[in-house]
Amino acid sequence: MYAGRWNLSTPEFTIDDAAARALQRSLNAGTSVNVSTTGATGDLGVASNLTRQGPASLTLAAYHNVSVTSGTTIANTGAGNLTLRADASGIDNGGGVINNGTIDWSASRGIVSALYDMTSTYEPGTNLSNSGWTATPDSGLVTQITYYLLVNSLDDPNKVTAVGNYALGKDIDATPPSGAFDSPIGGPLGGPLGGPFGSPFFGQFDGMGHTISHVNLSSASGLFPTIAFGGVVRNLTVEGSVSTADYAVDAGILAGLNEGTIAAVHTSGSIASTGLYGATGGLVGLNSGTITRSSSTADVSSRGSAGGLVGTNGFGVLRQSFSSGDVTSTGPNIGGLVGYNFGLLTQSYATGAVHVPPQCDTVNACGGGLAGTNSGTISQSFATGRIDQPSGPAGGPGGVVDLNINYVPPPATITDDVYWNIETTGATVGVRSTAFGALPGGAQGLTTVQMSTPSSFGPTYDFGPGGVWAMPAGAAHPVLQWQLAQ
């Protein structure tokens, strides 16, 4: 049974036989343990075997170096995690992780993370992983044992290369002129691997729950221009502004283009694109990968396709995510969550206002509560934001989608567990128009009172323990269960 957390702080520390036995007793009883050193040298060494079982986690965080002596084994059977963290204060003091022993997680379902300074080294020693290990769904994890270079300062993001594993060591304030963080991660225009505004990112970037704030990128497509296939960004919050005037670039606060995995990433602030042909989103411009358990409260302004979270979902997967920022565009395909959806949009919602241009007509798609245009699949999702449509064709706006069109196979689909608030959106229909044989689908309109009642959402919405959805007391609509843990 989990029994809380034990924190031990000391100037320097070596885990000898006696200390190892004490730690093992606590860990085996279900108590997670954090050991940290704070002294001027502040090294932390493991000089005795530390073998344990169960789900409790062990963190060894050194002011400077973490080391494991030769012949020493750290092992777990169960689901316990291990973190070896050098430079725990995040001050770029050259702290490294030196493992001359063995880390044995071959019988564990937990994960191992080793974090060290960019100016230091990681000596891996012997690492034994579980051949049957699988990542927790929606975690964005790739490997059971992962080592990370620490990003601790404004100088460090510009040192991130196209490949490699990186982690935020602490919150970073990117307010100028204190630092030189004025270009996207991966470098400025003409980076080593090309790309419109920098290099594609193929590695892993774990925010470790930290925030990069006051980002201000002009003439940029996002903090990461491209998250390439196989690349991962997770557990990160980004606050700030991004702007571009390129006529055809896709832009988002996190990324212009995502072909990899984005998990538990949240953005706020604003993004503006004056280009005519690019897609603009609060999180990502164009998504061809997977976005899960992510959100944006950013306001979005564009002359092309625009969505509160994603400008265009191009055959990608978007699940368990939401947006709440206002979306404004003078172009076609404007949605509270996605401008144009070609892929899968599921278990997600939008609450921000959608501002539709005066030229909205039967040719240019108008605004939709979830998506301006849908050629993919939308399921188990809803919209509540006001759709501000000054003029346009009869029958609009669409509370869920303005235009459902069979542009590419398979058929455009909107399932009957998709909803919109008929009072707050101002929409009387879920789908305004269809084209090329597409059907309007089964989206259902609900009143504000119905939106606050779990039974209104039918059997596919799981509000139970461990389910996707929750209805907090006094809430006007469901939220995602992962939100309650934040």
Protein backbone atom coordinates (compact mmCIF):
# COMPACT_ATOMS: atom_id res chain seq x y z
CA MET A 1 0.00 0.00 0.00
CA TYR A 2 1.32 3.43 -0.93
CA ALA A 3 2.43 5.18 2.25
CA GLY A 4 3.41 8.67 1.16
CA ARG A 5 6.80 10.19 0.47
CA TRP A 6 10.00 10.53 2.48
CA ASN A 7 12.40 13.40 1.74
CA LEU A 8 16.03 13.31 2.88
CA SER A 9 18.26 16.35 2.31
CA THR A 10 21.95 16.56 3.27
CA PRO A 11 25.08 18.42 2.07
CA GLU A 12 26.65 15.22 0.70
CA PHE A 13 25.62 11.62 0.94
CA THR A 14 26.87 8.12 0.24
CA ILE A 15 24.40 5.27 0.36
CA ASP A 16 26.31 2.61 2.29
CA ASP A 17 24.98 -0.72 3.59
CA ALA A 18 23.09 0.80 6.52
CA ALA A 19 21.53 3.55 4.42
CA ALA A 20 20.61 1.07 1.68
CA ARG A 21 18.77 -1.14 4.21
CA ALA A 22 16.84 1.86 5.56
CA LEU A 23 15.87 2.99 2.06
CA GLN A 24 14.81 -0.54 1.09
CA ARG A 25 12.54 -0.85 4.14
CA SER A 26 10.73 2.37 3.26
CA LEU A 27 10.50 1.60 -0.46
CA ASN A 28 9.27 -1.96 0.09
CA ALA A 29 6.60 -0.58 2.47
CA GLY A 30 5.31 1.59 -0.39
CA THR A 31 6.88 4.90 0.62
CA SER A 32 8.55 6.81 -2.21
CA VAL A 33 11.89 8.36 -1.28
CA ASN A 34 13.65 11.54 -2.48
CA VAL A 35 17.32 11.84 -1.51
CA SER A 36 18.96 15.17 -2.37
CA THR A 37 22.31 16.80 -1.67
CA THR A 38 22.74 20.54 -1.22
CA GLY A 39 26.40 21.17 -0.37
CA ALA A 40 28.99 23.16 -2.29
CA THR A 41 30.32 19.96 -3.85
CA GLY A 42 27.08 18.11 -3.27
CA ASP A 43 27.86 14.70 -4.74
CA LEU A 44 25.60 11.72 -4.12
CA GLY A 45 27.04 8.21 -4.34
CA VAL A 46 25.53 4.73 -4.26
CA ALA A 47 28.06 2.30 -2.75
CA SER A 48 25.79 -0.55 -1.70
CA ASN A 49 23.26 -2.72 -3.51
CA LEU A 50 19.75 -1.27 -3.39
CA THR A 51 17.24 -3.92 -4.42
CA ARG A 52 13.54 -3.41 -3.80
CA GLN A 53 10.06 -4.37 -4.92
CA GLY A 54 6.72 -2.65 -5.39
CA PRO A 55 5.48 0.62 -6.90
CA ALA A 56 7.33 3.20 -4.76
CA SER A 57 9.67 5.58 -6.60
CA LEU A 58 13.27 6.49 -5.72
CA THR A 59 14.82 9.83 -6.69
CA LEU A 60 18.53 10.46 -6.19
CA ALA A 61 19.09 14.17 -6.86
CA ALA A 62 22.58 15.61 -6.45
CA TYR A 63 23.64 19.23 -6.34
CA HIS A 64 26.54 18.09 -8.52
CA ASN A 65 27.26 14.45 -9.53
CA VAL A 66 25.36 11.21 -9.02
CA SER A 67 27.52 8.09 -9.09
CA VAL A 68 27.07 4.35 -8.71
CA THR A 69 30.21 2.46 -7.69
CA SER A 70 31.58 -0.57 -9.49
CA GLY A 71 29.88 -3.83 -8.53
CA THR A 72 26.82 -2.07 -7.13
CA THR A 73 23.29 -2.88 -8.34
CA ILE A 74 20.13 -0.79 -8.13
CA ALA A 75 17.11 -2.97 -8.95
CA ASN A 76 13.33 -3.07 -8.76
CA THR A 77 10.67 -5.71 -9.20
CA GLY A 78 7.22 -4.20 -9.56
CA ALA A 79 6.32 -0.77 -10.92
CA GLY A 80 8.76 1.52 -9.13
CA ASN A 81 10.52 4.37 -10.92
CA LEU A 82 14.13 5.52 -10.54
CA THR A 83 15.41 9.02 -11.24
CA LEU A 84 19.12 9.88 -11.18
CA ARG A 85 19.35 13.67 -11.35
CA ALA A 86 22.59 15.62 -11.52
CA ASP A 87 22.68 19.42 -11.00
CA ALA A 88 19.40 19.26 -9.09
CA SER A 89 19.33 23.06 -8.70
CA GLY A 90 19.42 23.57 -12.47
CA ILE A 91 22.33 26.03 -12.40
CA ASP A 92 24.46 24.45 -15.16
CA ASN A 93 27.25 23.40 -12.79
CA GLY A 94 28.48 20.54 -14.98
CA GLY A 95 26.85 17.80 -12.93
CA GLY A 96 26.95 14.35 -14.48
CA VAL A 97 25.63 10.84 -13.91
CA ILE A 98 28.38 8.21 -13.60
CA ASN A 99 27.16 4.63 -13.41
CA ASN A 100 29.94 2.11 -12.94
CA GLY A 101 27.51 -0.49 -11.66
CA THR A 102 24.24 -2.05 -12.81
CA ILE A 103 20.71 -0.68 -13.06
CA ASP A 104 18.42 -3.70 -13.30
CA TRP A 105 14.83 -2.97 -14.29
CA SER A 106 14.44 -6.26 -16.18
CA ALA A 107 11.67 -7.40 -13.81
CA SER A 108 10.07 -3.98 -13.36
CA ARG A 109 7.24 -2.16 -15.07
CA GLY A 110 8.59 1.20 -13.91
CA ILE A 111 10.86 3.64 -15.73
CA VAL A 112 14.41 4.88 -15.21
CA SER A 113 15.45 8.47 -15.98
CA ALA A 114 19.01 9.83 -15.86
CA LEU A 115 19.42 13.61 -16.21
CA TYR A 116 22.72 15.46 -16.59
CA ASP A 117 24.14 18.79 -17.77
CA MET A 118 24.84 19.53 -21.41
CA THR A 119 28.45 20.31 -20.46
CA SER A 120 28.88 17.01 -18.63
CA THR A 121 28.71 13.32 -19.48
CA TYR A 122 26.57 10.27 -18.80
CA GLU A 123 28.37 7.01 -18.16
CA PRO A 124 25.62 4.40 -18.54
CA GLY A 125 27.31 1.34 -17.04
CA THR A 126 25.09 -1.73 -17.33
CA ASN A 127 21.39 -1.12 -17.91
CA LEU A 128 18.96 -4.04 -17.97
CA SER A 129 15.46 -3.26 -19.22
CA ASN A 130 12.30 -5.35 -19.26
CA SER A 131 11.82 -6.89 -22.70
CA GLY A 132 8.07 -6.96 -22.08
CA TRP A 133 7.80 -3.32 -20.97
CA THR A 134 5.16 -1.15 -22.63
CA ALA A 135 4.62 2.55 -22.13
CA THR A 136 1.61 3.77 -20.16
CA PRO A 137 -1.06 4.87 -22.66
CA ASP A 138 -0.92 8.58 -23.51
CA SER A 139 2.40 9.02 -21.64
CA GLY A 140 4.47 9.70 -24.75
CA LEU A 141 7.27 7.54 -23.36
CA VAL A 142 9.40 5.68 -25.88
CA THR A 143 11.87 3.67 -23.82
CA GLN A 144 11.89 2.25 -20.29
CA ILE A 145 15.37 3.59 -19.54
CA THR A 146 16.02 7.09 -20.87
CA TYR A 147 18.86 9.54 -20.38
CA TYR A 148 18.33 13.27 -20.87
CA LEU A 149 20.48 16.33 -21.40
CA LEU A 150 19.22 19.08 -19.10
CA VAL A 151 17.85 22.37 -20.44
CA ASN A 152 18.32 24.81 -17.56
CA SER A 153 18.80 28.26 -19.06
CA LEU A 154 17.95 30.50 -21.99
CA ASP A 155 21.13 29.46 -23.75
CA ASP A 156 20.30 25.76 -23.61
CA PRO A 157 17.26 25.58 -25.97
CA ASN A 158 19.40 26.87 -28.80
CA LYS A 159 21.81 23.98 -28.16
CA VAL A 160 19.13 21.36 -28.77
CA THR A 161 20.02 19.37 -31.86
CA ALA A 162 17.82 17.42 -34.25
CA VAL A 163 18.35 14.15 -32.38
CA GLY A 164 18.86 13.35 -28.71
CA ASN A 165 16.89 13.32 -25.48
CA TYR A 166 16.33 16.55 -23.56
CA ALA A 167 14.50 17.54 -20.38
CA LEU A 168 13.68 20.86 -18.73
CA GLY A 169 15.52 21.04 -15.43
CA LYS A 170 13.36 23.93 -14.18
CA ASP A 171 10.97 26.63 -15.38
CA ILE A 172 12.54 28.99 -17.93
CA ASP A 173 11.55 32.64 -18.31
CA ALA A 174 12.36 33.67 -21.86
CA THR A 175 11.76 37.38 -21.27
CA PRO A 176 14.27 39.49 -23.26
CA PRO A 177 16.84 40.95 -22.88
CA SER A 178 18.01 38.55 -20.15
CA GLY A 179 18.73 35.85 -22.70
CA ALA A 180 19.28 35.17 -26.36
CA PHE A 181 16.36 32.81 -26.83
CA ASP A 182 15.06 34.43 -29.99
CA SER A 183 14.89 31.54 -32.44
CA PRO A 184 13.00 28.24 -32.53
CA ILE A 185 14.39 25.10 -30.96
CA GLY A 186 16.50 23.50 -33.67
CA GLY A 187 17.99 26.79 -34.81
CA PRO A 188 17.02 29.71 -37.02
CA LEU A 189 16.20 29.72 -40.72
CA GLY A 190 18.53 27.42 -42.62
CA GLY A 191 19.22 25.02 -39.73
CA PRO A 192 21.34 21.88 -40.24
CA LEU A 193 18.46 19.84 -41.64
CA GLY A 194 16.68 22.65 -43.40
CA GLY A 195 12.98 23.29 -42.89
CA PRO A 196 11.23 26.65 -43.24
CA PHE A 197 12.28 28.01 -39.85
CA GLY A 198 14.74 25.49 -38.41
CA SER A 199 15.60 21.82 -38.15
CA PRO A 200 13.09 18.98 -37.75
CA PHE A 201 13.26 17.45 -34.27
CA PHE A 202 13.60 13.64 -34.19
CA GLY A 203 14.42 13.24 -30.49
CA GLN A 204 12.58 13.38 -27.17
CA PHE A 205 11.89 16.57 -25.23
CA ASP A 206 10.38 16.06 -21.77
CA GLY A 207 9.28 19.20 -19.95
CA MET A 208 9.12 17.26 -16.67
CA GLY A 209 6.09 19.40 -15.77
CA HIS A 210 7.97 22.69 -16.21
CA THR A 211 7.08 25.85 -18.14
CA ILE A 212 8.82 27.96 -20.77
CA SER A 213 7.20 31.38 -20.31
CA HIS A 214 7.26 34.71 -22.14
CA VAL A 215 8.27 33.15 -25.43
CA ASN A 216 8.20 35.79 -28.16
CA LEU A 217 9.04 34.41 -31.60
CA SER A 218 8.50 36.54 -34.69
CA SER A 219 8.77 35.17 -38.21
CA ALA A 220 8.60 31.68 -36.73
CA SER A 221 6.36 28.68 -37.21
CA GLY A 222 6.55 27.62 -33.55
CA LEU A 223 8.85 26.73 -30.68
CA PHE A 224 9.64 23.56 -32.65
CA PRO A 225 9.33 24.23 -36.38
CA THR A 226 8.80 20.50 -37.05
CA ILE A 227 8.41 17.55 -34.69
CA ALA A 228 9.42 14.81 -37.10
CA PHE A 229 8.22 11.22 -37.32
CA GLY A 230 9.52 9.46 -34.22
CA GLY A 231 10.01 12.73 -32.35
CA VAL A 232 8.27 13.28 -29.01
CA VAL A 233 7.46 16.37 -26.94
CA ARG A 234 5.72 15.75 -23.61
CA ASN A 235 4.93 17.15 -20.14
CA LEU A 236 5.53 20.77 -21.12
CA THR A 237 3.78 24.13 -20.81
CA VAL A 238 4.61 26.97 -23.21
CA GLU A 239 3.36 30.52 -22.68
CA GLY A 240 3.94 33.39 -25.07
CA SER A 241 3.41 34.62 -28.59
CA VAL A 242 4.35 33.39 -32.06
CA SER A 243 3.85 35.27 -35.33
CA THR A 244 4.63 34.68 -38.97
CA ALA A 245 3.94 36.42 -42.24
CA ASP A 246 5.11 33.61 -44.52
CA TYR A 247 2.43 33.03 -47.13
CA ALA A 248 2.36 29.22 -46.87
CA VAL A 249 3.80 28.20 -43.51
CA ASP A 250 1.87 26.18 -40.92
CA ALA A 251 2.21 27.70 -37.46
CA GLY A 252 1.49 26.81 -33.84
CA ILE A 253 2.86 27.96 -30.49
CA LEU A 254 4.43 24.55 -29.90
CA ALA A 255 5.06 23.43 -33.47
CA GLY A 256 4.35 24.38 -37.05
CA LEU A 257 4.20 20.73 -38.11
CA ASN A 258 3.82 17.60 -35.97
CA GLU A 259 4.54 14.20 -37.47
CA GLY A 260 5.49 12.60 -34.15
CA THR A 261 3.86 12.48 -30.71
CA ILE A 262 2.75 15.31 -28.45
CA ALA A 263 1.58 14.26 -24.98
CA ALA A 264 0.54 16.45 -22.04
CA VAL A 265 1.61 19.73 -23.64
CA HIS A 266 -0.25 22.95 -22.90
CA THR A 267 0.03 26.37 -24.53
CA SER A 268 -1.26 29.84 -23.71
CA GLY A 269 -0.84 33.33 -25.09
CA SER A 270 -1.43 34.14 -28.75
CA ILE A 271 -0.46 33.16 -32.27
CA ALA A 272 -0.96 35.20 -35.42
CA SER A 273 -0.32 34.30 -39.04
CA THR A 274 -0.88 36.64 -41.93
CA GLY A 275 -0.03 34.04 -44.58
CA LEU A 276 -2.78 33.06 -47.00
CA TYR A 277 -2.18 29.32 -47.35
CA GLY A 278 -0.86 28.01 -44.05
CA ALA A 279 -2.79 26.43 -41.18
CA THR A 280 -2.66 28.03 -37.73
CA GLY A 281 -3.43 26.47 -34.35
CA GLY A 282 -2.96 27.32 -30.70
CA LEU A 283 -0.80 24.22 -30.24
CA VAL A 284 0.14 22.98 -33.74
CA GLY A 285 -0.37 24.30 -37.26
CA LEU A 286 -0.51 21.00 -39.17
CA ASN A 287 -0.80 17.66 -37.36
CA SER A 288 0.02 14.41 -39.11
CA GLY A 289 1.03 12.58 -35.94
CA THR A 290 -0.59 12.03 -32.54
CA ILE A 291 -1.69 14.67 -30.03
CA THR A 292 -2.99 13.37 -26.72
CA ARG A 293 -3.99 14.90 -23.38
CA SER A 294 -2.97 18.37 -24.50
CA SER A 295 -4.62 21.79 -24.51
CA SER A 296 -4.42 25.41 -25.55
CA THR A 297 -5.96 28.57 -24.12
CA ALA A 298 -4.21 30.73 -26.72
CA ASP A 299 -6.04 33.14 -29.00
CA VAL A 300 -5.56 32.32 -32.69
CA SER A 301 -5.60 34.78 -35.59
CA SER A 302 -5.08 33.74 -39.20
CA ARG A 303 -5.85 34.37 -42.85
CA GLY A 304 -6.05 30.63 -43.57
CA SER A 305 -7.35 27.51 -41.84
CA ALA A 306 -7.48 28.12 -38.09
CA GLY A 307 -8.33 26.08 -35.01
CA GLY A 308 -8.07 26.64 -31.28
CA LEU A 309 -5.76 23.63 -30.95
CA VAL A 310 -4.77 22.58 -34.48
CA GLY A 311 -5.05 24.44 -37.78
CA THR A 312 -5.34 21.30 -39.91
CA ASN A 313 -5.47 17.73 -38.62
CA GLY A 314 -4.07 16.00 -41.70
CA PHE A 315 -4.69 12.27 -41.17
CA GLY A 316 -3.37 12.62 -37.62
CA VAL A 317 -4.92 11.56 -34.32
CA LEU A 318 -6.19 14.10 -31.82
CA ARG A 319 -7.60 12.67 -28.59
CA GLN A 320 -8.38 13.63 -25.00
CA SER A 321 -7.52 17.27 -25.69
CA PHE A 322 -9.26 20.65 -25.58
CA SER A 323 -9.00 24.32 -26.49
CA SER A 324 -10.56 27.43 -24.97
CA GLY A 325 -8.99 30.36 -26.84
CA ASP A 326 -10.81 32.57 -29.35
CA VAL A 327 -10.29 31.76 -33.03
CA THR A 328 -10.43 34.45 -35.72
CA SER A 329 -9.71 34.10 -39.43
CA THR A 330 -10.47 35.88 -42.66
CA GLY A 331 -10.07 32.64 -44.60
CA PRO A 332 -11.94 29.35 -44.86
CA ASN A 333 -12.03 26.43 -42.42
CA ILE A 334 -12.41 27.97 -38.96
CA GLY A 335 -13.10 25.74 -35.96
CA GLY A 336 -13.09 25.98 -32.20
CA LEU A 337 -10.74 22.98 -32.00
CA VAL A 338 -9.55 22.27 -35.57
CA GLY A 339 -9.79 24.30 -38.76
CA TYR A 340 -9.87 21.34 -41.17
CA ASN A 341 -10.04 17.73 -39.98
CA PHE A 342 -8.87 14.92 -42.27
CA GLY A 343 -7.97 12.52 -39.48
CA LEU A 344 -9.42 11.27 -36.17
CA LEU A 345 -10.75 13.72 -33.61
CA THR A 346 -12.05 11.94 -30.51
CA GLN A 347 -12.69 12.47 -26.77
CA SER A 348 -12.02 16.20 -27.08
CA TYR A 349 -13.82 19.52 -26.78
CA ALA A 350 -13.72 23.26 -27.55
CA THR A 351 -15.11 26.16 -25.53
CA GLY A 352 -13.60 29.22 -27.24
CA ALA A 353 -15.45 31.67 -29.46
CA VAL A 354 -15.19 31.30 -33.24
CA HIS A 355 -15.21 34.53 -35.26
CA VAL A 356 -16.26 34.01 -38.88
CA PRO A 357 -15.40 36.50 -41.65
CA PRO A 358 -18.10 38.44 -43.49
CA GLN A 359 -17.25 36.70 -46.78
CA CYS A 360 -18.36 33.34 -45.38
CA ASP A 361 -20.54 31.77 -48.09
CA THR A 362 -21.45 28.50 -49.76
CA VAL A 363 -17.96 28.18 -51.25
CA ASN A 364 -15.80 29.21 -48.31
CA ALA A 365 -16.51 27.06 -45.26
CA CYS A 366 -17.85 29.07 -42.35
CA GLY A 367 -17.23 28.47 -38.67
CA GLY A 368 -17.86 25.26 -36.75
CA GLY A 369 -17.87 24.68 -33.01
CA LEU A 370 -15.34 21.85 -33.36
CA ALA A 371 -14.12 22.07 -36.98
CA GLY A 372 -14.74 24.33 -39.95
CA THR A 373 -14.54 21.43 -42.41
CA ASN A 374 -14.49 17.69 -41.74
CA SER A 375 -13.32 14.99 -44.12
CA GLY A 376 -12.28 12.58 -41.35
CA THR A 377 -13.93 11.14 -38.24
CA ILE A 378 -15.23 13.02 -35.22
CA SER A 379 -16.46 11.04 -32.22
CA GLN A 380 -17.18 11.48 -28.48
CA SER A 381 -16.51 15.23 -28.52
CA PHE A 382 -18.42 18.47 -27.97
CA ALA A 383 -18.38 22.26 -28.46
CA THR A 384 -19.78 25.09 -26.35
CA GLY A 385 -18.12 28.28 -27.70
CA ARG A 386 -20.05 31.09 -29.33
CA ILE A 387 -19.89 31.12 -33.15
CA ASP A 388 -19.86 34.74 -34.23
CA GLN A 389 -21.07 34.69 -37.82
CA PRO A 390 -22.07 38.16 -39.04
CA SER A 391 -23.43 36.87 -42.33
CA GLY A 392 -23.47 33.77 -44.44
CA PRO A 393 -25.64 31.12 -46.01
CA ALA A 394 -28.90 29.97 -44.52
CA GLY A 395 -28.77 27.16 -42.01
CA GLY A 396 -25.52 28.17 -40.37
CA PRO A 397 -23.52 28.17 -38.34
CA GLY A 398 -22.72 24.53 -37.58
CA GLY A 399 -22.56 23.79 -33.87
CA VAL A 400 -20.09 20.97 -34.60
CA VAL A 401 -18.95 21.37 -38.23
CA ASP A 402 -19.75 23.85 -40.96
CA LEU A 403 -19.03 21.54 -43.91
CA ASN A 404 -18.90 17.72 -43.91
CA ILE A 405 -17.31 16.63 -47.18
CA ASN A 406 -16.10 13.32 -48.65
CA TYR A 407 -12.89 14.83 -49.93
CA VAL A 408 -10.79 11.71 -49.47
CA PRO A 409 -11.69 8.15 -48.41
CA PRO A 410 -12.93 6.90 -46.01
CA PRO A 411 -16.24 8.81 -45.78
CA ALA A 412 -16.44 11.86 -43.54
CA THR A 413 -18.05 10.65 -40.30
CA ILE A 414 -19.62 12.41 -37.34
CA THR A 415 -20.93 9.91 -34.80
CA ASP A 416 -24.03 10.28 -32.64
CA ASP A 417 -21.97 10.83 -29.46
CA VAL A 418 -20.88 14.29 -30.67
CA TYR A 419 -22.70 17.26 -29.10
CA TRP A 420 -22.95 21.03 -29.12
CA ASN A 421 -24.58 23.51 -26.74
CA ILE A 422 -27.44 25.05 -28.69
CA GLU A 423 -27.65 28.02 -26.28
CA THR A 424 -24.02 29.09 -25.95
CA THR A 425 -22.94 28.41 -29.56
CA GLY A 426 -25.95 30.10 -31.12
CA ALA A 427 -26.17 27.20 -33.60
CA THR A 428 -29.41 25.40 -34.36
CA VAL A 429 -27.81 22.65 -36.46
CA GLY A 430 -24.80 20.45 -35.87
CA VAL A 431 -23.65 20.41 -39.49
CA ARG A 432 -24.57 23.25 -41.82
CA SER A 433 -23.83 21.61 -45.16
CA THR A 434 -22.50 18.47 -46.84
CA ALA A 435 -20.78 17.76 -50.14
CA PHE A 436 -19.68 14.87 -52.37
CA GLY A 437 -22.10 12.40 -50.83
CA ALA A 438 -21.17 13.00 -47.20
CA LEU A 439 -23.92 12.59 -44.60
CA PRO A 440 -24.55 15.12 -41.82
CA GLY A 441 -23.99 12.47 -39.14
CA GLY A 442 -25.68 12.14 -35.79
CA ALA A 443 -24.45 15.11 -33.76
CA GLN A 444 -26.95 16.18 -31.09
CA GLY A 445 -27.72 19.61 -29.66
CA LEU A 446 -28.09 20.01 -25.89
CA THR A 447 -29.18 22.82 -23.62
CA THR A 448 -26.87 24.23 -20.96
CA VAL A 449 -28.70 22.24 -18.29
CA GLN A 450 -28.35 19.05 -20.30
CA MET A 451 -24.65 19.76 -20.89
CA SER A 452 -24.08 19.68 -17.12
CA THR A 453 -25.78 16.29 -16.71
CA PRO A 454 -23.64 13.17 -17.34
CA SER A 455 -26.61 11.08 -18.43
CA SER A 456 -27.13 13.42 -21.41
CA PHE A 457 -23.98 12.08 -23.04
CA GLY A 458 -24.97 8.49 -23.58
CA PRO A 459 -23.14 5.22 -22.95
CA THR A 460 -19.84 6.00 -24.72
CA TYR A 461 -18.85 8.74 -22.26
CA ASP A 462 -17.23 6.99 -19.28
CA PHE A 463 -17.60 9.13 -16.16
CA GLY A 464 -16.58 6.33 -13.78
CA PRO A 465 -13.29 5.85 -11.91
CA GLY A 466 -10.51 5.51 -14.42
CA GLY A 467 -12.76 6.74 -17.22
CA VAL A 468 -12.02 9.49 -19.72
CA TRP A 469 -14.60 12.03 -18.54
CA ALA A 470 -15.54 13.80 -15.30
CA MET A 471 -18.30 16.22 -14.27
CA PRO A 472 -17.04 18.36 -11.37
CA ALA A 473 -19.62 19.88 -9.03
CA GLY A 474 -21.07 23.02 -10.59
CA ALA A 475 -19.44 22.44 -13.98
CA ALA A 476 -21.29 23.60 -17.11
CA HIS A 477 -19.91 20.73 -19.21
CA PRO A 478 -17.74 17.61 -18.83
CA VAL A 479 -13.99 17.84 -18.49
CA LEU A 480 -11.30 15.24 -19.10
CA GLN A 481 -10.31 13.24 -16.06
CA TRP A 482 -6.62 14.03 -16.54
CA GLN A 483 -7.46 17.72 -15.97
CA LEU A 484 -8.47 17.00 -12.37
CA ALA A 485 -4.97 15.77 -11.53
CA GLN A 486 -3.34 19.05 -12.56
